[in-house]
N, C-alpha and C. Protein backbone atom coordinates (compact mmCIF):
# COMPACT_ATOMS: atom_id res chain seq x y z
N UNK A 1 11.15 -16.90 -81.33
CA UNK A 1 11.34 -18.01 -82.25
C UNK A 1 12.67 -17.83 -82.95
N UNK A 2 13.23 -18.95 -83.42
CA UNK A 2 14.56 -18.94 -84.01
C UNK A 2 14.56 -19.75 -85.30
N UNK A 3 15.40 -19.33 -86.25
CA UNK A 3 15.50 -19.99 -87.53
C UNK A 3 16.96 -20.25 -87.86
N UNK A 4 17.24 -21.42 -88.42
CA UNK A 4 18.60 -21.76 -88.83
C UNK A 4 18.56 -22.85 -89.89
N UNK A 5 19.71 -23.09 -90.52
CA UNK A 5 19.87 -24.23 -91.42
C UNK A 5 20.69 -25.27 -90.66
N UNK A 6 20.17 -26.48 -90.56
CA UNK A 6 20.81 -27.51 -89.75
C UNK A 6 21.14 -28.75 -90.57
N UNK A 7 22.11 -29.50 -90.08
CA UNK A 7 22.51 -30.78 -90.66
C UNK A 7 21.63 -31.87 -90.04
N UNK A 8 21.14 -32.78 -90.86
CA UNK A 8 20.34 -33.90 -90.38
C UNK A 8 21.29 -35.00 -89.89
N UNK A 9 21.03 -35.49 -88.69
CA UNK A 9 21.81 -36.61 -88.13
C UNK A 9 20.86 -37.79 -87.92
N UNK A 10 21.43 -38.96 -87.66
CA UNK A 10 20.63 -40.17 -87.53
C UNK A 10 20.95 -40.89 -86.22
N UNK A 11 19.99 -41.67 -85.75
CA UNK A 11 20.15 -42.40 -84.49
C UNK A 11 21.36 -43.32 -84.53
N UNK A 12 21.70 -43.84 -85.71
CA UNK A 12 22.82 -44.79 -85.77
C UNK A 12 24.17 -44.10 -85.99
N UNK A 13 24.22 -42.75 -85.99
CA UNK A 13 25.50 -42.04 -86.04
C UNK A 13 26.30 -42.39 -84.78
N UNK A 14 27.59 -42.42 -84.91
CA UNK A 14 28.48 -42.86 -83.84
C UNK A 14 28.18 -42.21 -82.49
N UNK A 15 27.94 -40.88 -82.46
CA UNK A 15 27.75 -40.17 -81.19
C UNK A 15 26.52 -40.64 -80.42
N UNK A 16 25.51 -41.14 -81.13
CA UNK A 16 24.23 -41.45 -80.49
C UNK A 16 23.95 -42.94 -80.38
N UNK A 17 24.73 -43.77 -81.07
CA UNK A 17 24.41 -45.19 -81.20
C UNK A 17 24.24 -45.88 -79.85
N UNK A 18 25.17 -45.71 -78.92
CA UNK A 18 25.08 -46.40 -77.63
C UNK A 18 23.84 -45.96 -76.86
N UNK A 19 23.58 -44.64 -76.86
CA UNK A 19 22.42 -44.11 -76.15
C UNK A 19 21.12 -44.67 -76.72
N UNK A 20 20.98 -44.62 -78.05
CA UNK A 20 19.73 -45.09 -78.66
C UNK A 20 19.60 -46.61 -78.56
N UNK A 21 20.72 -47.34 -78.62
CA UNK A 21 20.66 -48.80 -78.46
C UNK A 21 20.16 -49.17 -77.06
N UNK A 22 20.63 -48.45 -76.04
CA UNK A 22 20.20 -48.73 -74.67
C UNK A 22 18.71 -48.49 -74.47
N UNK A 23 18.16 -47.56 -75.23
CA UNK A 23 16.74 -47.26 -75.10
C UNK A 23 15.89 -48.08 -76.07
N UNK A 24 16.53 -48.83 -76.94
CA UNK A 24 15.80 -49.65 -77.89
C UNK A 24 15.17 -48.85 -79.01
N UNK A 25 15.79 -47.74 -79.39
CA UNK A 25 15.23 -46.90 -80.45
C UNK A 25 15.73 -47.37 -81.81
N UNK A 26 14.88 -47.32 -82.82
CA UNK A 26 15.28 -47.79 -84.15
C UNK A 26 16.36 -46.91 -84.77
N UNK A 27 17.35 -47.52 -85.38
CA UNK A 27 18.48 -46.79 -85.95
C UNK A 27 18.10 -46.00 -87.20
N UNK A 28 17.00 -46.31 -87.82
CA UNK A 28 16.63 -45.64 -89.07
C UNK A 28 16.08 -44.22 -88.83
N UNK A 29 15.80 -43.89 -87.61
CA UNK A 29 15.22 -42.58 -87.30
C UNK A 29 16.24 -41.46 -87.47
N UNK A 30 15.71 -40.27 -87.75
CA UNK A 30 16.52 -39.07 -87.82
C UNK A 30 16.49 -38.37 -86.47
N UNK A 31 17.49 -37.56 -86.22
CA UNK A 31 17.47 -36.71 -85.03
C UNK A 31 17.25 -35.28 -85.51
N UNK A 32 16.20 -34.67 -85.02
CA UNK A 32 15.94 -33.25 -85.26
C UNK A 32 15.81 -32.64 -83.87
N UNK A 33 16.58 -31.63 -83.59
CA UNK A 33 16.63 -31.10 -82.23
C UNK A 33 16.93 -29.62 -82.22
N UNK A 34 16.58 -28.96 -81.13
CA UNK A 34 17.00 -27.57 -80.94
C UNK A 34 18.49 -27.49 -80.67
N UNK A 35 19.05 -28.59 -80.26
CA UNK A 35 20.44 -28.63 -79.81
C UNK A 35 21.40 -28.73 -80.99
N UNK A 36 22.35 -27.82 -81.08
CA UNK A 36 23.29 -27.82 -82.21
C UNK A 36 24.31 -28.96 -82.11
N UNK A 37 24.40 -29.62 -80.97
CA UNK A 37 25.25 -30.81 -80.90
C UNK A 37 24.61 -31.94 -81.70
N UNK A 38 23.29 -32.03 -81.64
CA UNK A 38 22.58 -33.07 -82.37
C UNK A 38 22.41 -32.73 -83.84
N UNK A 39 22.10 -31.49 -84.12
CA UNK A 39 21.93 -31.01 -85.49
C UNK A 39 22.79 -29.77 -85.66
N UNK A 40 24.06 -29.94 -86.06
CA UNK A 40 24.95 -28.78 -86.19
C UNK A 40 24.43 -27.78 -87.21
N UNK A 41 24.80 -26.53 -86.98
CA UNK A 41 24.47 -25.49 -87.95
C UNK A 41 25.24 -25.76 -89.24
N UNK A 42 24.60 -25.54 -90.36
CA UNK A 42 25.22 -25.76 -91.66
C UNK A 42 25.86 -24.46 -92.14
N UNK A 43 27.11 -24.56 -92.57
CA UNK A 43 27.86 -23.43 -93.13
C UNK A 43 27.89 -22.29 -92.11
N UNK A 44 27.50 -21.10 -92.52
CA UNK A 44 27.56 -19.92 -91.65
C UNK A 44 26.28 -19.70 -90.84
N UNK A 45 25.37 -20.64 -90.90
CA UNK A 45 24.11 -20.49 -90.18
C UNK A 45 24.33 -20.48 -88.68
N UNK A 46 23.40 -19.87 -87.99
CA UNK A 46 23.31 -19.89 -86.53
C UNK A 46 21.84 -19.72 -86.19
N UNK A 47 21.48 -19.63 -84.92
CA UNK A 47 20.09 -19.40 -84.56
C UNK A 47 19.78 -17.92 -84.70
N UNK A 48 19.01 -17.57 -85.71
CA UNK A 48 18.59 -16.19 -85.92
C UNK A 48 17.25 -15.98 -85.24
N UNK A 49 17.21 -15.00 -84.36
CA UNK A 49 15.99 -14.70 -83.60
C UNK A 49 15.00 -13.96 -84.48
N UNK A 50 13.74 -14.39 -84.40
CA UNK A 50 12.66 -13.76 -85.14
C UNK A 50 11.61 -13.26 -84.14
N UNK A 51 11.06 -12.10 -84.43
CA UNK A 51 9.98 -11.57 -83.59
C UNK A 51 8.61 -11.99 -84.10
N UNK A 52 8.55 -12.35 -85.37
CA UNK A 52 7.27 -12.76 -85.95
C UNK A 52 7.52 -13.75 -87.07
N UNK A 53 6.48 -14.45 -87.42
CA UNK A 53 6.56 -15.41 -88.51
C UNK A 53 6.82 -14.71 -89.85
N UNK A 54 6.34 -13.49 -89.98
CA UNK A 54 6.56 -12.72 -91.21
C UNK A 54 8.04 -12.51 -91.51
N UNK A 55 8.87 -12.37 -90.50
CA UNK A 55 10.30 -12.17 -90.70
C UNK A 55 10.97 -13.41 -91.30
N UNK A 56 10.39 -14.56 -91.08
CA UNK A 56 10.96 -15.82 -91.55
C UNK A 56 11.20 -15.80 -93.05
N UNK A 57 10.22 -15.34 -93.82
CA UNK A 57 10.30 -15.43 -95.28
C UNK A 57 11.45 -14.58 -95.83
N UNK A 58 11.70 -13.42 -95.23
CA UNK A 58 12.82 -12.59 -95.67
C UNK A 58 14.16 -13.19 -95.26
N UNK A 59 14.22 -13.78 -94.09
CA UNK A 59 15.47 -14.34 -93.59
C UNK A 59 15.93 -15.57 -94.39
N UNK A 60 15.00 -16.29 -94.98
CA UNK A 60 15.36 -17.46 -95.77
C UNK A 60 16.35 -17.11 -96.88
N UNK A 61 16.24 -15.89 -97.42
CA UNK A 61 17.17 -15.46 -98.48
C UNK A 61 18.60 -15.36 -97.98
N UNK A 62 18.79 -15.19 -96.67
CA UNK A 62 20.12 -15.00 -96.10
C UNK A 62 20.76 -16.29 -95.60
N UNK A 63 19.96 -17.29 -95.39
CA UNK A 63 20.47 -18.55 -94.86
C UNK A 63 21.04 -19.43 -95.96
N UNK A 64 21.99 -20.31 -95.60
CA UNK A 64 22.46 -21.28 -96.59
C UNK A 64 21.31 -22.20 -96.99
N UNK A 65 21.20 -22.49 -98.27
CA UNK A 65 20.15 -23.38 -98.75
C UNK A 65 20.45 -24.81 -98.35
N UNK A 66 19.46 -25.50 -97.78
CA UNK A 66 19.69 -26.89 -97.38
C UNK A 66 19.71 -27.82 -98.59
N UNK A 67 20.55 -28.83 -98.52
CA UNK A 67 20.58 -29.89 -99.53
C UNK A 67 19.59 -30.96 -99.06
N UNK A 68 18.67 -31.32 -99.93
CA UNK A 68 17.63 -32.28 -99.57
C UNK A 68 18.23 -33.55 -98.98
N UNK A 69 17.64 -34.04 -97.92
CA UNK A 69 18.02 -35.26 -97.19
C UNK A 69 19.33 -35.13 -96.41
N UNK A 70 19.97 -33.94 -96.44
CA UNK A 70 21.21 -33.73 -95.69
C UNK A 70 21.10 -32.57 -94.71
N UNK A 71 20.35 -31.54 -95.09
CA UNK A 71 20.15 -30.37 -94.23
C UNK A 71 18.68 -29.95 -94.31
N UNK A 72 18.30 -29.04 -93.42
CA UNK A 72 16.93 -28.53 -93.43
C UNK A 72 16.89 -27.18 -92.74
N UNK A 73 15.84 -26.41 -93.04
CA UNK A 73 15.57 -25.17 -92.31
C UNK A 73 14.82 -25.54 -91.04
N UNK A 74 15.37 -25.18 -89.88
CA UNK A 74 14.71 -25.44 -88.60
C UNK A 74 14.14 -24.15 -88.04
N UNK A 75 12.85 -24.16 -87.74
CA UNK A 75 12.19 -23.08 -87.01
C UNK A 75 11.76 -23.68 -85.69
N UNK A 76 12.21 -23.08 -84.57
CA UNK A 76 11.72 -23.56 -83.29
C UNK A 76 11.27 -22.40 -82.43
N UNK A 77 10.26 -22.67 -81.62
CA UNK A 77 9.63 -21.65 -80.80
C UNK A 77 9.43 -22.16 -79.38
N UNK A 78 9.36 -21.24 -78.45
CA UNK A 78 8.93 -21.56 -77.10
C UNK A 78 7.41 -21.77 -77.20
N UNK A 79 6.96 -22.98 -76.94
CA UNK A 79 5.55 -23.32 -77.14
C UNK A 79 4.61 -22.48 -76.27
N UNK A 80 5.12 -21.93 -75.16
CA UNK A 80 4.25 -21.12 -74.29
C UNK A 80 4.12 -19.68 -74.79
N UNK A 81 5.00 -19.26 -75.72
CA UNK A 81 4.99 -17.86 -76.18
C UNK A 81 4.48 -17.67 -77.59
N UNK A 82 4.77 -18.60 -78.47
CA UNK A 82 4.42 -18.44 -79.88
C UNK A 82 3.49 -19.58 -80.30
N UNK A 83 2.34 -19.20 -80.78
CA UNK A 83 1.38 -20.18 -81.27
C UNK A 83 1.37 -20.13 -82.80
N UNK A 84 2.00 -21.09 -83.41
CA UNK A 84 2.03 -21.19 -84.86
C UNK A 84 1.10 -22.32 -85.25
N UNK A 85 0.22 -22.09 -86.21
CA UNK A 85 -0.69 -23.16 -86.61
C UNK A 85 0.08 -24.40 -87.06
N UNK A 86 -0.29 -25.54 -86.55
CA UNK A 86 0.38 -26.79 -86.89
C UNK A 86 0.15 -27.19 -88.34
N UNK A 87 -0.87 -26.61 -88.97
CA UNK A 87 -1.18 -26.95 -90.36
C UNK A 87 -0.76 -25.85 -91.34
N UNK A 88 0.21 -25.03 -90.95
CA UNK A 88 0.69 -23.97 -91.85
C UNK A 88 1.23 -24.62 -93.13
N UNK A 89 0.89 -24.09 -94.31
CA UNK A 89 1.27 -24.75 -95.56
C UNK A 89 2.78 -24.81 -95.84
N UNK A 90 3.56 -23.91 -95.26
CA UNK A 90 5.01 -23.93 -95.51
C UNK A 90 5.80 -24.52 -94.35
N UNK A 91 5.11 -24.95 -93.30
CA UNK A 91 5.79 -25.48 -92.12
C UNK A 91 5.34 -26.91 -91.85
N UNK A 92 6.31 -27.78 -91.65
CA UNK A 92 6.02 -29.18 -91.31
C UNK A 92 6.33 -29.36 -89.82
N UNK A 93 5.32 -29.67 -89.04
CA UNK A 93 5.52 -29.91 -87.61
C UNK A 93 6.36 -31.16 -87.44
N UNK A 94 7.50 -31.01 -86.76
CA UNK A 94 8.38 -32.15 -86.50
C UNK A 94 8.08 -32.80 -85.16
N UNK A 95 7.73 -31.98 -84.16
CA UNK A 95 7.45 -32.49 -82.83
C UNK A 95 7.89 -31.50 -81.77
N UNK A 96 8.10 -32.00 -80.55
CA UNK A 96 8.40 -31.14 -79.40
C UNK A 96 9.68 -31.61 -78.72
N UNK A 97 10.51 -30.64 -78.38
CA UNK A 97 11.77 -30.88 -77.69
C UNK A 97 11.73 -30.12 -76.38
N UNK A 98 12.64 -30.42 -75.48
CA UNK A 98 12.70 -29.77 -74.18
C UNK A 98 14.01 -29.00 -74.08
N UNK A 99 13.92 -27.72 -73.79
CA UNK A 99 15.07 -26.84 -73.71
C UNK A 99 15.41 -26.58 -72.25
N UNK A 100 16.65 -26.92 -71.85
CA UNK A 100 17.04 -26.72 -70.45
C UNK A 100 17.65 -25.34 -70.24
N UNK A 101 18.05 -25.06 -69.02
CA UNK A 101 18.58 -23.76 -68.62
C UNK A 101 19.85 -23.37 -69.39
N UNK A 102 20.57 -24.36 -69.91
CA UNK A 102 21.79 -24.11 -70.67
C UNK A 102 21.54 -24.03 -72.17
N UNK A 103 20.27 -24.06 -72.57
CA UNK A 103 19.94 -23.98 -73.99
C UNK A 103 20.20 -25.27 -74.75
N UNK A 104 20.16 -26.38 -74.06
CA UNK A 104 20.40 -27.68 -74.68
C UNK A 104 19.15 -28.55 -74.57
N UNK A 105 19.09 -29.53 -75.46
CA UNK A 105 17.96 -30.45 -75.46
C UNK A 105 18.09 -31.42 -74.29
N UNK A 106 17.05 -31.51 -73.49
CA UNK A 106 17.04 -32.47 -72.39
C UNK A 106 16.83 -33.89 -72.90
N UNK A 107 16.32 -34.03 -74.11
CA UNK A 107 16.16 -35.36 -74.68
C UNK A 107 17.50 -35.97 -75.07
N UNK A 108 18.46 -35.15 -75.50
CA UNK A 108 19.70 -35.66 -76.10
C UNK A 108 20.94 -35.30 -75.30
N UNK A 109 20.82 -34.60 -74.21
CA UNK A 109 21.99 -34.21 -73.42
C UNK A 109 21.76 -34.41 -71.94
N UNK A 110 22.82 -34.38 -71.24
CA UNK A 110 22.90 -34.38 -69.79
C UNK A 110 22.69 -35.75 -69.16
N UNK A 111 21.48 -36.22 -69.07
CA UNK A 111 21.22 -37.49 -68.38
C UNK A 111 20.40 -38.42 -69.25
N UNK A 112 20.61 -39.73 -69.10
CA UNK A 112 19.79 -40.67 -69.88
C UNK A 112 18.36 -40.70 -69.37
N UNK A 113 17.47 -41.02 -70.25
CA UNK A 113 16.06 -41.14 -69.92
C UNK A 113 15.78 -42.58 -69.51
N UNK A 114 15.93 -42.82 -68.22
CA UNK A 114 15.71 -44.16 -67.67
C UNK A 114 14.60 -44.08 -66.63
N UNK A 115 14.24 -45.19 -66.08
CA UNK A 115 13.19 -45.21 -65.04
C UNK A 115 11.87 -44.72 -65.60
N UNK A 116 11.24 -43.76 -64.90
CA UNK A 116 9.92 -43.26 -65.30
C UNK A 116 9.96 -42.51 -66.63
N UNK A 117 11.15 -42.08 -67.04
CA UNK A 117 11.29 -41.34 -68.30
C UNK A 117 11.41 -42.25 -69.52
N UNK A 118 11.88 -43.47 -69.32
CA UNK A 118 12.15 -44.37 -70.44
C UNK A 118 10.92 -44.62 -71.32
N UNK A 119 9.73 -44.85 -70.74
CA UNK A 119 8.57 -45.07 -71.62
C UNK A 119 8.26 -43.86 -72.52
N UNK A 120 8.56 -42.66 -72.05
CA UNK A 120 8.32 -41.46 -72.87
C UNK A 120 9.29 -41.39 -74.04
N UNK A 121 10.57 -41.61 -73.77
CA UNK A 121 11.56 -41.50 -74.83
C UNK A 121 11.42 -42.64 -75.84
N UNK A 122 10.88 -43.76 -75.42
CA UNK A 122 10.67 -44.87 -76.35
C UNK A 122 9.53 -44.59 -77.32
N UNK A 123 8.75 -43.55 -77.05
CA UNK A 123 7.64 -43.20 -77.94
C UNK A 123 7.98 -42.02 -78.87
N UNK A 124 9.26 -41.62 -78.91
CA UNK A 124 9.60 -40.49 -79.78
C UNK A 124 9.22 -40.82 -81.23
N UNK A 125 8.95 -39.78 -81.99
CA UNK A 125 8.57 -39.98 -83.39
C UNK A 125 9.81 -40.23 -84.26
N UNK A 126 9.66 -40.28 -85.54
CA UNK A 126 10.77 -40.60 -86.45
C UNK A 126 11.86 -39.55 -86.47
N UNK A 127 11.61 -38.40 -85.80
CA UNK A 127 12.61 -37.32 -85.71
C UNK A 127 13.24 -37.26 -84.32
N UNK A 128 12.91 -38.22 -83.47
CA UNK A 128 13.46 -38.23 -82.12
C UNK A 128 12.82 -37.19 -81.22
N UNK A 129 11.59 -36.79 -81.53
CA UNK A 129 10.89 -35.75 -80.77
C UNK A 129 9.62 -36.31 -80.13
N UNK A 130 9.16 -35.59 -79.13
CA UNK A 130 7.99 -35.99 -78.36
C UNK A 130 6.70 -35.44 -78.96
N UNK A 131 5.58 -36.06 -78.59
CA UNK A 131 4.27 -35.48 -78.86
C UNK A 131 4.04 -34.38 -77.84
N UNK A 132 3.02 -33.56 -78.06
CA UNK A 132 2.72 -32.49 -77.11
C UNK A 132 2.42 -33.08 -75.72
N UNK A 133 1.58 -34.10 -75.65
CA UNK A 133 1.20 -34.64 -74.33
C UNK A 133 2.40 -35.27 -73.63
N UNK A 134 3.28 -35.95 -74.36
CA UNK A 134 4.47 -36.53 -73.74
C UNK A 134 5.45 -35.45 -73.30
N UNK A 135 5.53 -34.36 -74.04
CA UNK A 135 6.41 -33.25 -73.64
C UNK A 135 5.91 -32.61 -72.34
N UNK A 136 4.60 -32.44 -72.23
CA UNK A 136 4.02 -31.87 -71.00
C UNK A 136 4.27 -32.82 -69.82
N UNK A 137 4.09 -34.11 -70.04
CA UNK A 137 4.34 -35.10 -68.99
C UNK A 137 5.80 -35.07 -68.56
N UNK A 138 6.71 -35.07 -69.55
CA UNK A 138 8.14 -35.05 -69.24
C UNK A 138 8.53 -33.78 -68.47
N UNK A 139 7.99 -32.65 -68.88
CA UNK A 139 8.28 -31.39 -68.20
C UNK A 139 7.87 -31.47 -66.72
N UNK A 140 6.77 -32.14 -66.46
CA UNK A 140 6.27 -32.26 -65.09
C UNK A 140 7.09 -33.22 -64.24
N UNK A 141 7.59 -34.32 -64.81
CA UNK A 141 8.27 -35.33 -63.99
C UNK A 141 9.80 -35.23 -64.01
N UNK A 142 10.38 -34.45 -64.92
CA UNK A 142 11.84 -34.34 -64.97
C UNK A 142 12.46 -33.88 -63.64
N UNK A 143 11.91 -32.85 -62.97
CA UNK A 143 12.55 -32.42 -61.72
C UNK A 143 12.68 -33.55 -60.69
N UNK A 144 11.65 -34.34 -60.54
CA UNK A 144 11.72 -35.45 -59.59
C UNK A 144 12.66 -36.54 -60.11
N UNK A 145 12.56 -36.87 -61.39
CA UNK A 145 13.39 -37.94 -61.96
C UNK A 145 14.88 -37.60 -61.91
N UNK A 146 15.19 -36.31 -62.04
CA UNK A 146 16.59 -35.87 -62.04
C UNK A 146 16.97 -35.19 -60.72
N UNK A 147 16.22 -35.46 -59.66
CA UNK A 147 16.52 -35.02 -58.30
C UNK A 147 16.70 -33.50 -58.20
N UNK A 148 15.78 -32.77 -58.82
CA UNK A 148 15.74 -31.30 -58.78
C UNK A 148 17.02 -30.63 -59.27
N UNK A 149 17.73 -31.27 -60.15
CA UNK A 149 18.90 -30.65 -60.76
C UNK A 149 18.43 -29.43 -61.56
N UNK A 150 19.18 -28.33 -61.59
CA UNK A 150 18.75 -27.14 -62.35
C UNK A 150 18.41 -27.42 -63.81
N UNK A 151 19.06 -28.40 -64.42
CA UNK A 151 18.77 -28.70 -65.82
C UNK A 151 17.50 -29.52 -66.00
N UNK A 152 16.84 -29.85 -64.90
CA UNK A 152 15.59 -30.60 -65.01
C UNK A 152 14.39 -29.67 -65.22
N UNK A 153 14.59 -28.39 -65.07
CA UNK A 153 13.53 -27.40 -65.33
C UNK A 153 13.65 -27.01 -66.80
N UNK A 154 12.62 -27.31 -67.59
CA UNK A 154 12.71 -27.16 -69.04
C UNK A 154 11.52 -26.39 -69.61
N UNK A 155 11.76 -25.84 -70.80
CA UNK A 155 10.70 -25.24 -71.60
C UNK A 155 10.38 -26.22 -72.72
N UNK A 156 9.14 -26.24 -73.12
CA UNK A 156 8.74 -27.05 -74.27
C UNK A 156 8.89 -26.19 -75.51
N UNK A 157 9.58 -26.72 -76.50
CA UNK A 157 9.76 -26.02 -77.77
C UNK A 157 9.07 -26.80 -78.89
N UNK A 158 8.44 -26.07 -79.78
CA UNK A 158 7.82 -26.64 -80.96
C UNK A 158 8.81 -26.52 -82.11
N UNK A 159 9.04 -27.61 -82.82
CA UNK A 159 9.99 -27.62 -83.93
C UNK A 159 9.27 -27.84 -85.25
N UNK A 160 9.63 -27.00 -86.22
CA UNK A 160 9.08 -27.09 -87.57
C UNK A 160 10.22 -27.16 -88.57
N UNK A 161 10.00 -27.87 -89.64
CA UNK A 161 10.86 -27.76 -90.81
C UNK A 161 10.19 -26.78 -91.75
N UNK A 162 10.94 -25.77 -92.19
CA UNK A 162 10.41 -24.82 -93.16
C UNK A 162 10.60 -25.46 -94.53
N UNK A 163 9.50 -25.68 -95.22
CA UNK A 163 9.57 -26.37 -96.50
C UNK A 163 10.04 -25.43 -97.60
N UNK A 164 10.94 -25.90 -98.45
CA UNK A 164 11.37 -25.08 -99.58
C UNK A 164 10.16 -24.75 -100.47
N UNK A 165 10.24 -23.65 -101.13
CA UNK A 165 9.12 -23.19 -101.95
C UNK A 165 8.67 -24.23 -102.96
N UNK A 166 9.61 -24.99 -103.53
CA UNK A 166 9.23 -25.96 -104.55
C UNK A 166 8.29 -27.04 -104.01
N UNK A 167 8.33 -27.30 -102.69
CA UNK A 167 7.43 -28.27 -102.08
C UNK A 167 6.12 -27.63 -101.64
N UNK A 168 6.12 -26.32 -101.54
CA UNK A 168 4.95 -25.61 -101.03
C UNK A 168 3.84 -25.57 -102.06
N UNK A 169 4.16 -25.07 -103.25
CA UNK A 169 3.18 -25.02 -104.32
C UNK A 169 3.90 -24.67 -105.60
N UNK A 170 3.25 -24.91 -106.70
CA UNK A 170 3.83 -24.51 -107.97
C UNK A 170 3.86 -22.99 -108.01
N UNK A 171 4.90 -22.45 -108.57
CA UNK A 171 5.03 -20.99 -108.64
C UNK A 171 3.94 -20.44 -109.54
N UNK A 172 3.23 -19.47 -109.00
CA UNK A 172 2.16 -18.83 -109.75
C UNK A 172 2.74 -17.64 -110.52
N UNK A 173 2.08 -17.29 -111.58
CA UNK A 173 2.52 -16.09 -112.29
C UNK A 173 2.13 -14.88 -111.46
N UNK A 174 2.89 -13.77 -111.55
CA UNK A 174 2.60 -12.59 -110.73
C UNK A 174 1.17 -12.07 -110.89
N UNK A 175 0.54 -12.28 -112.03
CA UNK A 175 -0.83 -11.79 -112.23
C UNK A 175 -1.84 -12.56 -111.39
N UNK A 176 -1.48 -13.76 -110.94
CA UNK A 176 -2.39 -14.57 -110.13
C UNK A 176 -2.22 -14.35 -108.63
N UNK A 177 -1.26 -13.53 -108.24
CA UNK A 177 -1.00 -13.32 -106.82
C UNK A 177 -1.75 -12.10 -106.33
N UNK A 178 -2.52 -12.28 -105.28
CA UNK A 178 -3.25 -11.18 -104.68
C UNK A 178 -2.41 -10.59 -103.57
N UNK A 179 -2.08 -9.27 -103.63
CA UNK A 179 -1.25 -8.67 -102.58
C UNK A 179 -1.94 -8.71 -101.22
N UNK A 180 -1.19 -9.04 -100.19
CA UNK A 180 -1.66 -9.01 -98.82
C UNK A 180 -0.55 -8.49 -97.95
N UNK A 181 -0.90 -8.03 -96.76
CA UNK A 181 0.12 -7.57 -95.82
C UNK A 181 0.38 -6.08 -95.92
N UNK A 182 1.11 -5.57 -94.96
CA UNK A 182 1.37 -4.13 -94.85
C UNK A 182 2.16 -3.59 -96.03
N UNK A 183 3.05 -4.37 -96.60
CA UNK A 183 3.88 -3.88 -97.69
C UNK A 183 3.29 -4.22 -99.05
N UNK A 184 2.07 -4.79 -99.09
CA UNK A 184 1.42 -5.09 -100.35
C UNK A 184 1.97 -6.29 -101.08
N UNK A 185 2.80 -7.08 -100.41
CA UNK A 185 3.37 -8.28 -101.02
C UNK A 185 2.81 -9.50 -100.33
N UNK A 186 2.54 -10.51 -101.11
CA UNK A 186 2.03 -11.75 -100.53
C UNK A 186 3.15 -12.53 -99.88
N UNK A 187 2.85 -13.47 -98.99
CA UNK A 187 3.89 -14.31 -98.41
C UNK A 187 4.68 -15.06 -99.48
N UNK A 188 4.01 -15.46 -100.57
CA UNK A 188 4.71 -16.14 -101.63
C UNK A 188 5.75 -15.24 -102.27
N UNK A 189 5.40 -13.97 -102.52
CA UNK A 189 6.36 -13.04 -103.11
C UNK A 189 7.55 -12.80 -102.18
N UNK A 190 7.30 -12.74 -100.88
CA UNK A 190 8.39 -12.52 -99.94
C UNK A 190 9.33 -13.72 -99.90
N UNK A 191 8.80 -14.91 -100.17
CA UNK A 191 9.63 -16.11 -100.09
C UNK A 191 10.45 -16.32 -101.35
N UNK A 192 10.10 -15.65 -102.42
CA UNK A 192 10.84 -15.83 -103.68
C UNK A 192 12.10 -15.00 -103.68
């Protein structure tokens, strides 16, 4: 899994306008993607590799803080390797993206989603991402739709926005926090 601070882009931004207009996608939608072309890294951020979800809370202290409505903390995982609960209190499930062999989003790069793919891309959510079932369908039909091009073989990635602590819960006093974990600190204490 990887964590970074990213810039929020929109469907009506110059780079994407023609593509989204051809697919009939609403301009008010945001683009959230694994691809740094779609969501550039903010400031000195990059994709920091994490071995566990526990590492996320410590790494947040090192990342540039996102400005609300302009940037966000992106956590993305290979859906076949990391199972993160979709209802985690500090993580907002954004949707599913497809990662090609070059580490780019198949939704936003390389080839347009036309023909059998067009109905899938027209159902993207407000973040320009697929549902789980549509991602599985796309993964299965991309090789045929793109004539077995190497970039048609993709991994499904789960994308989350890591919510800032102020949205997670009101800060509790230290006397109300019950220590958990190997180091005796609660997840809330690690995030502060």
